[in-house]
Structure formats: structure tokens, C-alpha cells
C-alpha atoms as a PDB file:
ATOM      1  CA  MET A   1     -41.402  29.999  -6.746  1.00  0.00           C
ATOM      2  CA  ILE A   2     -38.469  30.959  -4.513  1.00  0.00           C
ATOM      3  CA  ARG A   3     -39.504  28.393  -1.924  1.00  0.00           C
ATOM      4  CA  GLY A   4     -39.448  25.689  -4.617  1.00  0.00           C
ATOM      5  CA  VAL A   5     -35.991  26.781  -5.775  1.00  0.00           C
ATOM      6  CA  SER A   6     -34.579  26.902  -2.259  1.00  0.00           C
ATOM      7  CA  ARG A   7     -36.075  23.489  -1.472  1.00  0.00           C
ATOM      8  CA  THR A   8     -34.560  22.004  -4.651  1.00  0.00           C
ATOM      9  CA  LEU A   9     -31.244  23.638  -3.853  1.00  0.00           C
ATOM     10  CA  ALA A  10     -31.325  22.274  -0.297  1.00  0.00           C
ATOM     11  CA  LEU A  11     -32.086  18.763  -1.559  1.00  0.00           C
ATOM     12  CA  THR A  12     -29.301  18.982  -4.143  1.00  0.00           C
ATOM     13  CA  VAL A  13     -26.792  20.132  -1.525  1.00  0.00           C
ATOM     14  CA  ALA A  14     -27.890  17.341   0.830  1.00  0.00           C
ATOM     15  CA  LEU A  15     -27.546  14.767  -1.964  1.00  0.00           C
ATOM     16  CA  LEU A  16     -24.088  15.993  -2.979  1.00  0.00           C
ATOM     17  CA  THR A  17     -22.962  16.035   0.649  1.00  0.00           C
ATOM     18  CA  GLY A  18     -24.157  12.456   1.044  1.00  0.00           C
ATOM     19  CA  VAL A  19     -22.339  11.331  -2.094  1.00  0.00           C
ATOM     20  CA  ALA A  20     -19.142  13.110  -1.021  1.00  0.00           C
ATOM     21  CA  ALA A  21     -19.340  11.462   2.398  1.00  0.00           C
ATOM     22  CA  CYS A  22     -19.499   8.052   0.702  1.00  0.00           C
ATOM     23  CA  ALA A  23     -16.341   8.690  -1.321  1.00  0.00           C
ATOM     24  CA  GLN A  24     -13.349   7.436   0.582  1.00  0.00           C
ATOM     25  CA  LEU A  25      -9.687   7.976   0.008  1.00  0.00           C
ATOM     26  CA  THR A  26      -7.943   4.641  -0.381  1.00  0.00           C
ATOM     27  CA  THR A  27      -4.212   4.230  -0.369  1.00  0.00           C
ATOM     28  CA  THR A  28      -2.188   1.580  -2.138  1.00  0.00           C
ATOM     29  CA  GLU A  29       1.301   1.158  -0.728  1.00  0.00           C
ATOM     30  CA  GLN A  30       3.247  -1.920  -1.688  1.00  0.00           C
ATOM     31  CA  ARG A  31       6.690  -3.263  -2.468  1.00  0.00           C
ATOM     32  CA  VAL A  32       6.703  -5.843  -5.247  1.00  0.00           C
ATOM     33  CA  PHE A  33       8.979  -7.985  -7.388  1.00  0.00           C
ATOM     34  CA  GLN A  34       6.843  -7.470 -10.498  1.00  0.00           C
ATOM     35  CA  GLY A  35       5.711  -3.938 -11.273  1.00  0.00           C
ATOM     36  CA  PRO A  36       3.346  -2.416 -13.791  1.00  0.00           C
ATOM     37  CA  THR A  37       2.592  -3.859 -17.184  1.00  0.00           C
ATOM     38  CA  ALA A  38       3.191  -1.893 -20.344  1.00  0.00           C
ATOM     39  CA  GLN A  39      -0.524  -1.904 -21.132  1.00  0.00           C
ATOM     40  CA  GLU A  40      -1.419  -0.611 -17.664  1.00  0.00           C
ATOM     41  CA  ILE A  41       0.896   2.401 -17.989  1.00  0.00           C
ATOM     42  CA  TRP A  42      -0.050   3.055 -21.627  1.00  0.00           C
ATOM     43  CA  THR A  43      -3.778   2.924 -20.813  1.00  0.00           C
ATOM     44  CA  ALA A  44      -3.303   5.276 -17.851  1.00  0.00           C
ATOM     45  CA  GLY A  45      -1.529   7.714 -20.172  1.00  0.00           C
ATOM     46  CA  VAL A  46      -4.334   7.605 -22.740  1.00  0.00           C
ATOM     47  CA  VAL A  47      -6.959   8.175 -20.044  1.00  0.00           C
ATOM     48  CA  LEU A  48      -4.949  11.059 -18.611  1.00  0.00           C
ATOM     49  CA  VAL A  49      -4.590  12.778 -21.995  1.00  0.00           C
ATOM     50  CA  THR A  50      -7.988  12.048 -23.553  1.00  0.00           C
ATOM     51  CA  GLY A  51     -10.242  11.416 -20.557  1.00  0.00           C
ATOM     52  CA  ARG A  52     -11.366   8.083 -22.024  1.00  0.00           C
ATOM     53  CA  GLU A  53     -10.265   4.483 -22.419  1.00  0.00           C
ATOM     54  CA  PRO A  54      -8.356   3.652 -25.621  1.00  0.00           C
ATOM     55  CA  THR A  55     -10.368   2.390 -28.583  1.00  0.00           C
ATOM     56  CA  PHE A  56      -9.914  -1.056 -30.111  1.00  0.00           C
ATOM     57  CA  ASP A  57      -7.954   0.457 -33.014  1.00  0.00           C
ATOM     58  CA  GLU A  58      -5.673   2.404 -30.658  1.00  0.00           C
ATOM     59  CA  LYS A  59      -4.981  -0.768 -28.677  1.00  0.00           C
ATOM     60  CA  HIS A  60      -4.249  -2.681 -31.860  1.00  0.00           C
ATOM     61  CA  GLN A  61      -1.791  -0.040 -33.088  1.00  0.00           C
ATOM     62  CA  TRP A  62      -0.110   0.038 -29.680  1.00  0.00           C
ATOM     63  CA  GLU A  63       0.232  -3.771 -29.725  1.00  0.00           C
ATOM     64  CA  ILE A  64       1.929  -3.619 -33.135  1.00  0.00           C
ATOM     65  CA  GLN A  65       4.321  -0.888 -31.984  1.00  0.00           C
ATOM     66  CA  ILE A  66       5.350  -2.578 -28.734  1.00  0.00           C
ATOM     67  CA  ASP A  67       5.811  -5.941 -30.477  1.00  0.00           C
ATOM     68  CA  ARG A  68       8.095  -4.219 -32.975  1.00  0.00           C
ATOM     69  CA  ARG A  69      10.160  -2.528 -30.223  1.00  0.00           C
ATOM     70  CA  ILE A  70      10.534  -5.784 -28.271  1.00  0.00           C
ATOM     71  CA  SER A  71      11.526  -7.715 -31.420  1.00  0.00           C
ATOM     72  CA  GLN A  72      14.136  -5.106 -32.329  1.00  0.00           C
ATOM     73  CA  TYR A  73      15.576  -5.277 -28.810  1.00  0.00           C
ATOM     74  CA  LEU A  74      15.778  -9.079 -28.863  1.00  0.00           C
ATOM     75  CA  ASN A  75      17.393  -9.028 -32.331  1.00  0.00           C
ATOM     76  CA  GLN A  76      20.034  -6.636 -30.982  1.00  0.00           C
ATOM     77  CA  HIS A  77      20.611  -8.844 -27.889  1.00  0.00           C
ATOM     78  CA  PRO A  78      20.517 -12.454 -29.165  1.00  0.00           C
ATOM     79  CA  ALA A  79      22.433 -13.805 -26.161  1.00  0.00           C
ATOM     80  CA  ILE A  80      19.482 -13.113 -23.854  1.00  0.00           C
ATOM     81  CA  ALA A  81      16.663 -13.753 -26.336  1.00  0.00           C
ATOM     82  CA  ASN A  82      15.969 -17.259 -24.960  1.00  0.00           C
ATOM     83  CA  SER A  83      16.496 -16.648 -21.241  1.00  0.00           C
ATOM     84  CA  ALA A  84      13.644 -17.245 -18.819  1.00  0.00           C
ATOM     85  CA  ASP A  85      13.770 -13.631 -17.588  1.00  0.00           C
ATOM     86  CA  VAL A  86      13.090 -12.326 -21.086  1.00  0.00           C
ATOM     87  CA  GLN A  87       9.816 -14.257 -21.303  1.00  0.00           C
ATOM     88  CA  ILE A  88       8.130 -11.857 -18.864  1.00  0.00           C
ATOM     89  CA  PHE A  89       9.545  -8.925 -20.823  1.00  0.00           C
ATOM     90  CA  GLN A  90       8.416 -10.330 -24.173  1.00  0.00           C
ATOM     91  CA  PHE A  91       5.071 -11.952 -23.426  1.00  0.00           C
ATOM     92  CA  VAL A  92       3.720 -10.499 -20.177  1.00  0.00           C
ATOM     93  CA  ARG A  93       5.322  -7.083 -20.840  1.00  0.00           C
ATOM     94  CA  GLN A  94       5.720  -6.406 -17.148  1.00  0.00           C
ATOM     95  CA  VAL A  95       8.604  -4.678 -15.434  1.00  0.00           C
ATOM     96  CA  THR A  96      10.414  -6.920 -12.947  1.00  0.00           C
ATOM     97  CA  VAL A  97      13.399  -6.643 -10.662  1.00  0.00           C
ATOM     98  CA  GLY A  98      16.519  -7.375 -12.710  1.00  0.00           C
ATOM     99  CA  MET A  99      15.424  -5.660 -15.914  1.00  0.00           C
ATOM    100  CA  THR A 100      17.628  -3.047 -17.531  1.00  0.00           C
ATOM    101  CA  LYS A 101      16.760   0.610 -18.030  1.00  0.00           C
ATOM    102  CA  GLU A 102      16.544  -0.056 -21.760  1.00  0.00           C
ATOM    103  CA  GLN A 103      13.940  -2.794 -21.236  1.00  0.00           C
ATOM    104  CA  VAL A 104      11.922  -0.548 -18.920  1.00  0.00           C
ATOM    105  CA  VAL A 105      11.871   2.277 -21.478  1.00  0.00           C
ATOM    106  CA  ILE A 106      10.776  -0.144 -24.207  1.00  0.00           C
ATOM    107  CA  LEU A 107       7.849  -1.301 -22.054  1.00  0.00           C
ATOM    108  CA  LEU A 108       6.805   1.840 -20.193  1.00  0.00           C
ATOM    109  CA  GLY A 109       8.351   4.734 -22.070  1.00  0.00           C
ATOM    110  CA  ALA A 110      10.231   7.558 -20.387  1.00  0.00           C
ATOM    111  CA  PRO A 111       9.504   8.149 -16.703  1.00  0.00           C
ATOM    112  CA  VAL A 112       7.372  11.071 -15.563  1.00  0.00           C
ATOM    113  CA  VAL A 113      10.128  11.942 -13.098  1.00  0.00           C
ATOM    114  CA  ALA A 114      13.671  10.624 -12.708  1.00  0.00           C
ATOM    115  CA  THR A 115      15.976  11.491  -9.836  1.00  0.00           C
ATOM    116  CA  LYS A 116      19.483  10.647  -8.693  1.00  0.00           C
ATOM    117  CA  ASP A 117      19.170  12.676  -5.490  1.00  0.00           C
ATOM    118  CA  THR A 118      19.405  10.299  -2.513  1.00  0.00           C
ATOM    119  CA  ALA A 119      17.108  12.443  -0.350  1.00  0.00           C
ATOM    120  CA  GLU A 120      14.427  12.426  -3.067  1.00  0.00           C
ATOM    121  CA  ILE A 121      14.827   8.683  -3.567  1.00  0.00           C
ATOM    122  CA  GLU A 122      14.360   8.182   0.173  1.00  0.00           C
ATOM    123  CA  LYS A 123      11.118  10.236   0.055  1.00  0.00           C
ATOM    124  CA  LEU A 124       9.832   8.182  -2.871  1.00  0.00           C
ATOM    125  CA  ALA A 125      10.628   4.907  -1.096  1.00  0.00           C
ATOM    126  CA  ARG A 126       8.708   6.033   2.009  1.00  0.00           C
ATOM    127  CA  ARG A 127       8.575   3.265   4.641  1.00  0.00           C
ATOM    128  CA  TYR A 128      10.497   0.850   2.391  1.00  0.00           C
ATOM    129  CA  TRP A 129      13.691   2.928   2.375  1.00  0.00           C
ATOM    130  CA  PRO A 130      15.443   0.809   5.053  1.00  0.00           C
ATOM    131  CA  LEU A 131      14.933  -2.249   2.817  1.00  0.00           C
ATOM    132  CA  ILE A 132      15.894  -0.485  -0.420  1.00  0.00           C
ATOM    133  CA  LYS A 133      18.885   1.553   0.784  1.00  0.00           C
ATOM    134  CA  PRO A 134      21.306  -1.426   1.084  1.00  0.00           C
ATOM    135  CA  LYS A 135      20.805  -2.177  -2.628  1.00  0.00           C
ATOM    136  CA  ASN A 136      23.021   0.799  -3.604  1.00  0.00           C
ATOM    137  CA  VAL A 137      20.232   2.653  -5.389  1.00  0.00           C
ATOM    138  CA  THR A 138      21.617   5.287  -7.756  1.00  0.00           C
ATOM    139  CA  GLU A 139      18.394   6.437  -9.437  1.00  0.00           C
ATOM    140  CA  ALA A 140      14.608   6.288  -9.116  1.00  0.00           C
ATOM    141  CA  TRP A 141      11.989   6.626 -11.847  1.00  0.00           C
ATOM    142  CA  LEU A 142       8.352   7.565 -11.219  1.00  0.00           C
ATOM    143  CA  TYR A 143       5.497   6.395 -13.458  1.00  0.00           C
ATOM    144  CA  PRO A 144       1.698   6.923 -13.437  1.00  0.00           C
ATOM    145  CA  GLN A 145      -0.395   5.243 -10.753  1.00  0.00           C
ATOM    146  CA  GLY A 146       2.367   5.800  -8.214  1.00  0.00           C
ATOM    147  CA  TRP A 147       4.831   3.234  -9.562  1.00  0.00           C
ATOM    148  CA  ARG A 148       8.447   3.839  -8.508  1.00  0.00           C
ATOM    149  CA  LEU A 149      11.358   1.898  -9.984  1.00  0.00           C
ATOM    150  CA  TYR A 150      14.733   1.926  -8.208  1.00  0.00           C
ATOM    151  CA  PHE A 151      17.956   1.331 -10.110  1.00  0.00           C
ATOM    152  CA  SER A 152      21.469   0.389  -9.133  1.00  0.00           C
ATOM    153  CA  GLU A 153      23.363   1.674 -12.153  1.00  0.00           C
ATOM    154  CA  THR A 154      21.419   0.126 -15.075  1.00  0.00           C
ATOM    155  CA  LYS A 155      19.352  -2.609 -13.345  1.00  0.00           C
ATOM    156  CA  VAL A 156      16.006  -2.441 -11.542  1.00  0.00           C
ATOM    157  CA  VAL A 157      16.707  -3.481  -7.944  1.00  0.00           C
ATOM    158  CA  ASP A 158      13.349  -2.670  -6.333  1.00  0.00           C
ATOM    159  CA  ILE A 159       9.791  -1.597  -7.161  1.00  0.00           C
ATOM    160  CA  THR A 160       7.228   0.161  -4.992  1.00  0.00           C
ATOM    161  CA  GLN A 161       3.836   1.731  -5.523  1.00  0.00           C
ATOM    162  CA  TYR A 162       2.178   4.506  -3.570  1.00  0.00           C
ATOM    163  CA  ALA A 163      -1.136   5.792  -4.894  1.00  0.00           C
ATOM    164  CA  GLU A 164      -4.107   7.555  -3.328  1.00  0.00           C
ATOM    165  CA  ARG A 165      -7.538   7.269  -4.988  1.00  0.00           C
ATOM    166  CA  PHE A 166     -11.082   8.318  -4.209  1.00  0.00           C
ATOM    167  CA  GLN A 167     -13.565   5.474  -4.338  1.00  0.00           C
END
């Protein structure tokens, strides 16, 4: 009986070791003009909190809520309601360079972390800091999946992503 248990245990350990050896850490590091979509960040938040993908009903309710927030914003800012830049905000719901803090919050919600400390911003920017620094960055916001948004006063001036995942 003990031999059978130890053999099963040895096989289980060998199998788990083999599976762990197959898992690799992959890194995403990029600098982009268009950042995360509202749905991407919202879905990541739901998965983080509940451990599952959102249901159809949850997605539907979220769609209604974000449409309402975007409509309210555009009603309050009629001068920009028909600009080409607003189309990505309204229909694609993706953060892009040039958006305001208010637009970002409407799409993505509050950041997980926000900093105005230049040394912290430099750490977040990693290898892209020499390209971002000349843009007079005053603040950086961090979102799930490693998304980092850099602001000069109230406008997004750069976007990077740094995320490590096991695959």
C-alpha cells in the first residue's frame, strides 16, 4: 500500500514539475498611440474581483451605463461632439493620445495608482522614459494589465504597457 502511494506521489510530482516547466513567463512591453479599451479594463476588473468572465447580463448593463456616461459628456461638450477624435472615444471606447483626464475616467474609471512624482513616473515609463520625458509629463496613471497613461496637465501625451504573464 505504501509503495503504491509513494509511486502515485512520485508520478504526480513529476507531472506537476513537467507542467510547471512548460509554463513560461512572457512580457509585453510596448509604447502605443491607442491604449486599452473600456471593455478590456472593465472585463479585467470583473475577472479580478469575481474570478470569472462577466455574464451577458453584466455586459449589457455595463454597455448601457457607459453609453449613458459618454452621452452625458458629449451633451456637456457640444463643441467637440462631432470632431473626428471623439469618434474613437464614443464608438471604439479606446483611450488615445490627446484625450482628456475626464474622457479617460469616463472610459476606464479611476486609476489603480496615480502619481505626480517624477522619479516614479520615470520608473513606470521604463525604457521609454527618454522618449516621454520631453513631453512635460506631470502625472501618470496605472491601470490593470500594465497600462500606463502619461499626462501633461489634463491631456494624455503618451501610453505604455508593461505586463508579465505566465503562459
